[in-house]
């Protein structure tokens, strides 16, 4: 269980890092819209993985039903 807590913390930090990178890119005049959108997508993907892991740790059957249809 401790390992999952560490992964949860890592995902929260990774999402925050991606959001900060996206903000920095949005302020960079040389960054393209594509660069900004890719970084935002990465942050969203990390968030979705984190939410799925929460479901998995609470109810594996619900995880299978919801994410592995």
PDB file of N, CA and C in Angstrom:
ATOM      1  N   UNK A   1       0.828  -1.198   0.000  1.00  0.00           N
ATOM      2  CA  UNK A   1       0.000   0.000   0.000  1.00  0.00           C
ATOM      3  C   UNK A   1       0.866   1.254   0.000  1.00  0.00           C
ATOM      4  N   UNK A   2       1.995   1.181   0.674  1.00  0.00           N
ATOM      5  CA  UNK A   2       2.900   2.324   0.719  1.00  0.00           C
ATOM      6  C   UNK A   2       3.400   2.678  -0.675  1.00  0.00           C
ATOM      7  N   UNK A   3       3.620   1.642  -1.484  1.00  0.00           N
ATOM      8  CA  UNK A   3       4.082   1.882  -2.855  1.00  0.00           C
ATOM      9  C   UNK A   3       3.053   2.675  -3.653  1.00  0.00           C
ATOM     10  N   UNK A   4       1.785   2.339  -3.485  1.00  0.00           N
ATOM     11  CA  UNK A   4       0.742   3.067  -4.197  1.00  0.00           C
ATOM     12  C   UNK A   4       0.659   4.519  -3.730  1.00  0.00           C
ATOM     13  N   UNK A   5       0.866   4.734  -2.447  1.00  0.00           N
ATOM     14  CA  UNK A   5       0.877   6.116  -1.947  1.00  0.00           C
ATOM     15  C   UNK A   5       2.008   6.918  -2.592  1.00  0.00           C
ATOM     16  N   UNK A   6       3.145   6.277  -2.760  1.00  0.00           N
ATOM     17  CA  UNK A   6       4.270   6.952  -3.411  1.00  0.00           C
ATOM     18  C   UNK A   6       3.953   7.273  -4.867  1.00  0.00           C
ATOM     19  N   UNK A   7       3.303   6.351  -5.554  1.00  0.00           N
ATOM     20  CA  UNK A   7       2.929   6.589  -6.946  1.00  0.00           C
ATOM     21  C   UNK A   7       1.904   7.719  -7.027  1.00  0.00           C
ATOM     22  N   UNK A   8       0.957   7.735  -6.095  1.00  0.00           N
ATOM     23  CA  UNK A   8      -0.032   8.824  -6.065  1.00  0.00           C
ATOM     24  C   UNK A   8       0.663  10.173  -5.896  1.00  0.00           C
ATOM     25  N   UNK A   9       1.584  10.235  -4.962  1.00  0.00           N
ATOM     26  CA  UNK A   9       2.311  11.495  -4.749  1.00  0.00           C
ATOM     27  C   UNK A   9       3.102  11.893  -5.994  1.00  0.00           C
ATOM     28  N   UNK A  10       3.729  10.908  -6.613  1.00  0.00           N
ATOM     29  CA  UNK A  10       4.495  11.186  -7.829  1.00  0.00           C
ATOM     30  C   UNK A  10       3.594  11.759  -8.918  1.00  0.00           C
ATOM     31  N   UNK A  11       2.417  11.171  -9.099  1.00  0.00           N
ATOM     32  CA  UNK A  11       1.509  11.648 -10.143  1.00  0.00           C
ATOM     33  C   UNK A  11       1.013  13.062  -9.861  1.00  0.00           C
ATOM     34  N   UNK A  12       0.767  13.374  -8.616  1.00  0.00           N
ATOM     35  CA  UNK A  12       0.347  14.742  -8.263  1.00  0.00           C
ATOM     36  C   UNK A  12       1.469  15.723  -8.603  1.00  0.00           C
ATOM     37  N   UNK A  13       2.683  15.369  -8.257  1.00  0.00           N
ATOM     38  CA  UNK A  13       3.820  16.257  -8.559  1.00  0.00           C
ATOM     39  C   UNK A  13       4.058  16.373 -10.062  1.00  0.00           C
ATOM     40  N   UNK A  14       3.923  15.265 -10.760  1.00  0.00           N
ATOM     41  CA  UNK A  14       4.124  15.288 -12.212  1.00  0.00           C
ATOM     42  C   UNK A  14       3.093  16.173 -12.889  1.00  0.00           C
ATOM     43  N   UNK A  15       1.843  16.077 -12.450  1.00  0.00           N
ATOM     44  CA  UNK A  15       0.796  16.934 -13.010  1.00  0.00           C
ATOM     45  C   UNK A  15       1.107  18.403 -12.747  1.00  0.00           C
ATOM     46  N   UNK A  16       1.529  18.707 -11.531  1.00  0.00           N
ATOM     47  CA  UNK A  16       1.874  20.089 -11.191  1.00  0.00           C
ATOM     48  C   UNK A  16       3.034  20.581 -12.063  1.00  0.00           C
ATOM     49  N   UNK A  17       4.009  19.731 -12.260  1.00  0.00           N
ATOM     50  CA  UNK A  17       5.147  20.085 -13.107  1.00  0.00           C
ATOM     51  C   UNK A  17       4.698  20.384 -14.536  1.00  0.00           C
ATOM     52  N   UNK A  18       3.814  19.544 -15.069  1.00  0.00           N
ATOM     53  CA  UNK A  18       3.316  19.749 -16.432  1.00  0.00           C
ATOM     54  C   UNK A  18       2.502  21.040 -16.534  1.00  0.00           C
ATOM     55  N   UNK A  19       1.707  21.334 -15.508  1.00  0.00           N
ATOM     56  CA  UNK A  19       0.944  22.583 -15.516  1.00  0.00           C
ATOM     57  C   UNK A  19       1.872  23.798 -15.480  1.00  0.00           C
ATOM     58  N   UNK A  20       2.926  23.711 -14.683  1.00  0.00           N
ATOM     59  CA  UNK A  20       3.895  24.810 -14.620  1.00  0.00           C
ATOM     60  C   UNK A  20       4.617  24.969 -15.956  1.00  0.00           C
ATOM     61  N   UNK A  21       4.963  23.860 -16.588  1.00  0.00           N
ATOM     62  CA  UNK A  21       5.610  23.925 -17.895  1.00  0.00           C
ATOM     63  C   UNK A  21       4.671  24.558 -18.918  1.00  0.00           C
ATOM     64  N   UNK A  22       3.417  24.185 -18.867  1.00  0.00           N
ATOM     65  CA  UNK A  22       2.438  24.758 -19.781  1.00  0.00           C
ATOM     66  C   UNK A  22       2.283  26.254 -19.577  1.00  0.00           C
ATOM     67  N   UNK A  23       2.279  26.673 -18.344  1.00  0.00           N
ATOM     68  CA  UNK A  23       2.181  28.097 -18.045  1.00  0.00           C
ATOM     69  C   UNK A  23       3.399  28.841 -18.585  1.00  0.00           C
ATOM     70  N   UNK A  24       4.570  28.266 -18.366  1.00  0.00           N
ATOM     71  CA  UNK A  24       5.800  28.894 -18.861  1.00  0.00           C
ATOM     72  C   UNK A  24       5.780  28.976 -20.387  1.00  0.00           C
ATOM     73  N   UNK A  25       5.304  27.924 -21.031  1.00  0.00           N
ATOM     74  CA  UNK A  25       5.233  27.938 -22.500  1.00  0.00           C
ATOM     75  C   UNK A  25       4.222  28.967 -22.985  1.00  0.00           C
ATOM     76  N   UNK A  26       3.128  29.111 -22.255  1.00  0.00           N
ATOM     77  CA  UNK A  26       2.114  30.092 -22.654  1.00  0.00           C
ATOM     78  C   UNK A  26       2.670  31.511 -22.587  1.00  0.00           C
ATOM     79  N   UNK A  27       3.605  31.726 -21.695  1.00  0.00           N
ATOM     80  CA  UNK A  27       4.219  33.055 -21.567  1.00  0.00           C
ATOM     81  C   UNK A  27       5.390  33.256 -22.522  1.00  0.00           C
ATOM     82  N   UNK A  28       5.878  32.178 -23.112  1.00  0.00           N
ATOM     83  CA  UNK A  28       7.018  32.242 -24.019  1.00  0.00           C
ATOM     84  C   UNK A  28       6.539  32.667 -25.407  1.00  0.00           C
ATOM     85  N   UNK A  29       7.045  33.804 -25.916  1.00  0.00           N
ATOM     86  CA  UNK A  29       6.598  34.268 -27.232  1.00  0.00           C
ATOM     87  C   UNK A  29       7.024  33.346 -28.381  1.00  0.00           C
ATOM     88  N   UNK A  30       8.003  32.496 -28.142  1.00  0.00           N
ATOM     89  CA  UNK A  30       8.478  31.591 -29.193  1.00  0.00           C
ATOM     90  C   UNK A  30       7.735  30.252 -29.201  1.00  0.00           C
ATOM     91  N   UNK A  31       6.946  29.997 -28.193  1.00  0.00           N
ATOM     92  CA  UNK A  31       6.223  28.730 -28.112  1.00  0.00           C
ATOM     93  C   UNK A  31       5.040  28.741 -29.075  1.00  0.00           C
ATOM     94  N   UNK A  32       4.791  27.587 -29.643  1.00  0.00           N
ATOM     95  CA  UNK A  32       3.651  27.472 -30.554  1.00  0.00           C
ATOM     96  C   UNK A  32       2.423  27.004 -29.764  1.00  0.00           C
ATOM     97  N   UNK A  33       1.279  27.181 -30.362  1.00  0.00           N
ATOM     98  CA  UNK A  33       0.044  26.715 -29.738  1.00  0.00           C
ATOM     99  C   UNK A  33       0.102  25.203 -29.554  1.00  0.00           C
ATOM    100  N   UNK A  34       0.709  24.526 -30.490  1.00  0.00           N
ATOM    101  CA  UNK A  34       0.838  23.066 -30.403  1.00  0.00           C
ATOM    102  C   UNK A  34       1.658  22.674 -29.180  1.00  0.00           C
ATOM    103  N   UNK A  35       2.758  23.366 -28.929  1.00  0.00           N
ATOM    104  CA  UNK A  35       3.580  23.089 -27.748  1.00  0.00           C
ATOM    105  C   UNK A  35       2.760  23.230 -26.476  1.00  0.00           C
ATOM    106  N   UNK A  36       1.995  24.276 -26.396  1.00  0.00           N
ATOM    107  CA  UNK A  36       1.187  24.554 -25.208  1.00  0.00           C
ATOM    108  C   UNK A  36       0.108  23.488 -25.048  1.00  0.00           C
ATOM    109  N   UNK A  37      -0.542  23.139 -26.146  1.00  0.00           N
ATOM    110  CA  UNK A  37      -1.607  22.129 -26.092  1.00  0.00           C
ATOM    111  C   UNK A  37      -1.070  20.753 -25.721  1.00  0.00           C
ATOM    112  N   UNK A  38       0.102  20.401 -26.221  1.00  0.00           N
ATOM    113  CA  UNK A  38       0.693  19.103 -25.888  1.00  0.00           C
ATOM    114  C   UNK A  38       0.978  19.022 -24.394  1.00  0.00           C
ATOM    115  N   UNK A  39       1.526  20.077 -23.832  1.00  0.00           N
ATOM    116  CA  UNK A  39       1.831  20.084 -22.401  1.00  0.00           C
ATOM    117  C   UNK A  39       0.548  20.015 -21.577  1.00  0.00           C
ATOM    118  N   UNK A  40      -0.482  20.712 -22.006  1.00  0.00           N
ATOM    119  CA  UNK A  40      -1.773  20.641 -21.312  1.00  0.00           C
ATOM    120  C   UNK A  40      -2.352  19.231 -21.399  1.00  0.00           C
ATOM    121  N   UNK A  41      -2.213  18.599 -22.560  1.00  0.00           N
ATOM    122  CA  UNK A  41      -2.688  17.226 -22.721  1.00  0.00           C
ATOM    123  C   UNK A  41      -1.929  16.286 -21.790  1.00  0.00           C
ATOM    124  N   UNK A  42      -0.620  16.475 -21.662  1.00  0.00           N
ATOM    125  CA  UNK A  42       0.172  15.640 -20.754  1.00  0.00           C
ATOM    126  C   UNK A  42      -0.326  15.777 -19.318  1.00  0.00           C
ATOM    127  N   UNK A  43      -0.599  17.004 -18.892  1.00  0.00           N
ATOM    128  CA  UNK A  43      -1.105  17.230 -17.536  1.00  0.00           C
ATOM    129  C   UNK A  43      -2.456  16.544 -17.354  1.00  0.00           C
ATOM    130  N   UNK A  44      -3.315  16.629 -18.351  1.00  0.00           N
ATOM    131  CA  UNK A  44      -4.634  15.996 -18.279  1.00  0.00           C
ATOM    132  C   UNK A  44      -4.501  14.478 -18.228  1.00  0.00           C
ATOM    133  N   UNK A  45      -3.592  13.925 -19.001  1.00  0.00           N
ATOM    134  CA  UNK A  45      -3.389  12.481 -19.009  1.00  0.00           C
ATOM    135  C   UNK A  45      -2.902  11.986 -17.647  1.00  0.00           C
ATOM    136  N   UNK A  46      -1.971  12.706 -17.058  1.00  0.00           N
ATOM    137  CA  UNK A  46      -1.483  12.342 -15.722  1.00  0.00           C
ATOM    138  C   UNK A  46      -2.634  12.389 -14.718  1.00  0.00           C
ATOM    139  N   UNK A  47      -3.464  13.400 -14.831  1.00  0.00           N
ATOM    140  CA  UNK A  47      -4.605  13.532 -13.936  1.00  0.00           C
ATOM    141  C   UNK A  47      -5.567  12.355 -14.101  1.00  0.00           C
ATOM    142  N   UNK A  48      -5.831  11.952 -15.328  1.00  0.00           N
ATOM    143  CA  UNK A  48      -6.729  10.826 -15.581  1.00  0.00           C
ATOM    144  C   UNK A  48      -6.156   9.525 -15.025  1.00  0.00           C
ATOM    145  N   UNK A  49      -4.860   9.337 -15.168  1.00  0.00           N
ATOM    146  CA  UNK A  49      -4.210   8.141 -14.622  1.00  0.00           C
ATOM    147  C   UNK A  49      -4.322   8.144 -13.095  1.00  0.00           C
ATOM    148  N   UNK A  50      -4.102   9.294 -12.502  1.00  0.00           N
ATOM    149  CA  UNK A  50      -4.186   9.419 -11.048  1.00  0.00           C
ATOM    150  C   UNK A  50      -5.593   9.079 -10.560  1.00  0.00           C
ATOM    151  N   UNK A  51      -6.601   9.602 -11.231  1.00  0.00           N
ATOM    152  CA  UNK A  51      -7.982   9.308 -10.850  1.00  0.00           C
ATOM    153  C   UNK A  51      -8.303   7.824 -11.027  1.00  0.00           C
ATOM    154  N   UNK A  52      -7.810   7.222 -12.089  1.00  0.00           N
ATOM    155  CA  UNK A  52      -8.042   5.798 -12.317  1.00  0.00           C
ATOM    156  C   UNK A  52      -7.373   4.958 -11.225  1.00  0.00           C
ATOM    157  N   UNK A  53      -6.206   5.355 -10.796  1.00  0.00           N
ATOM    158  CA  UNK A  53      -5.523   4.631  -9.723  1.00  0.00           C
ATOM    159  C   UNK A  53      -6.289   4.729  -8.414  1.00  0.00           C
ATOM    160  N   UNK A  54      -6.917   5.871  -8.164  1.00  0.00           N
ATOM    161  CA  UNK A  54      -7.736   6.007  -6.960  1.00  0.00           C
ATOM    162  C   UNK A  54      -8.877   4.995  -6.985  1.00  0.00           C
ATOM    163  N   UNK A  55      -9.518   4.866  -8.141  1.00  0.00           N
ATOM    164  CA  UNK A  55     -10.612   3.902  -8.278  1.00  0.00           C
ATOM    165  C   UNK A  55     -10.080   2.480  -8.089  1.00  0.00           C
ATOM    166  N   UNK A  56      -8.937   2.187  -8.672  1.00  0.00           N
ATOM    167  CA  UNK A  56      -8.351   0.849  -8.565  1.00  0.00           C
ATOM    168  C   UNK A  56      -8.068   0.482  -7.119  1.00  0.00           C
ATOM    169  N   UNK A  57      -7.522   1.402  -6.344  1.00  0.00           N
ATOM    170  CA  UNK A  57      -7.192   1.083  -4.955  1.00  0.00           C
ATOM    171  C   UNK A  57      -8.442   0.921  -4.093  1.00  0.00           C
ATOM    172  N   UNK A  58      -9.520   1.622  -4.440  1.00  0.00           N
ATOM    173  CA  UNK A  58     -10.744   1.530  -3.647  1.00  0.00           C
ATOM    174  C   UNK A  58     -11.619   0.347  -4.049  1.00  0.00           C
ATOM    175  N   UNK A  59     -11.741   0.108  -5.350  1.00  0.00           N
ATOM    176  CA  UNK A  59     -12.664  -0.921  -5.834  1.00  0.00           C
ATOM    177  C   UNK A  59     -12.181  -1.481  -7.169  1.00  0.00           C
ATOM    178  N   UNK A  60     -11.395  -2.564  -7.126  1.00  0.00           N
ATOM    179  CA  UNK A  60     -10.874  -3.142  -8.374  1.00  0.00           C
ATOM    180  C   UNK A  60     -11.970  -3.539  -9.366  1.00  0.00           C
ATOM    181  N   UNK A  61     -13.100  -4.007  -8.865  1.00  0.00           N
ATOM    182  CA  UNK A  61     -14.190  -4.400  -9.775  1.00  0.00           C
ATOM    183  C   UNK A  61     -14.725  -3.195 -10.539  1.00  0.00           C
ATOM    184  N   UNK A  62     -14.880  -2.082  -9.847  1.00  0.00           N
ATOM    185  CA  UNK A  62     -15.347  -0.858 -10.505  1.00  0.00           C
ATOM    186  C   UNK A  62     -14.317  -0.380 -11.522  1.00  0.00           C
ATOM    187  N   UNK A  63     -13.030  -0.525 -11.185  1.00  0.00           N
ATOM    188  CA  UNK A  63     -11.963  -0.143 -12.111  1.00  0.00           C
ATOM    189  C   UNK A  63     -12.082  -0.944 -13.400  1.00  0.00           C
ATOM    190  N   UNK A  64     -12.264  -2.253 -13.256  1.00  0.00           N
ATOM    191  CA  UNK A  64     -12.383  -3.118 -14.432  1.00  0.00           C
ATOM    192  C   UNK A  64     -13.606  -2.719 -15.257  1.00  0.00           C
ATOM    193  N   UNK A  65     -14.710  -2.481 -14.564  1.00  0.00           N
ATOM    194  CA  UNK A  65     -15.941  -2.100 -15.247  1.00  0.00           C
ATOM    195  C   UNK A  65     -15.823  -0.761 -15.967  1.00  0.00           C
ATOM    196  N   UNK A  66     -15.180   0.184 -15.319  1.00  0.00           N
ATOM    197  CA  UNK A  66     -15.129   1.543 -15.853  1.00  0.00           C
ATOM    198  C   UNK A  66     -14.023   1.747 -16.889  1.00  0.00           C
ATOM    199  N   UNK A  67     -12.865   1.146 -16.663  1.00  0.00           N
ATOM    200  CA  UNK A  67     -11.709   1.449 -17.501  1.00  0.00           C
ATOM    201  C   UNK A  67     -11.283   0.332 -18.446  1.00  0.00           C
ATOM    202  N   UNK A  68     -11.760  -0.882 -18.208  1.00  0.00           N
ATOM    203  CA  UNK A  68     -11.325  -2.007 -19.044  1.00  0.00           C
ATOM    204  C   UNK A  68     -12.495  -2.652 -19.767  1.00  0.00           C
ATOM    205  N   UNK A  69     -13.454  -1.857 -20.196  1.00  0.00           N
ATOM    206  CA  UNK A  69     -14.628  -2.375 -20.904  1.00  0.00           C
ATOM    207  C   UNK A  69     -14.214  -2.985 -22.224  1.00  0.00           C
TER     208      UNK A  69
END
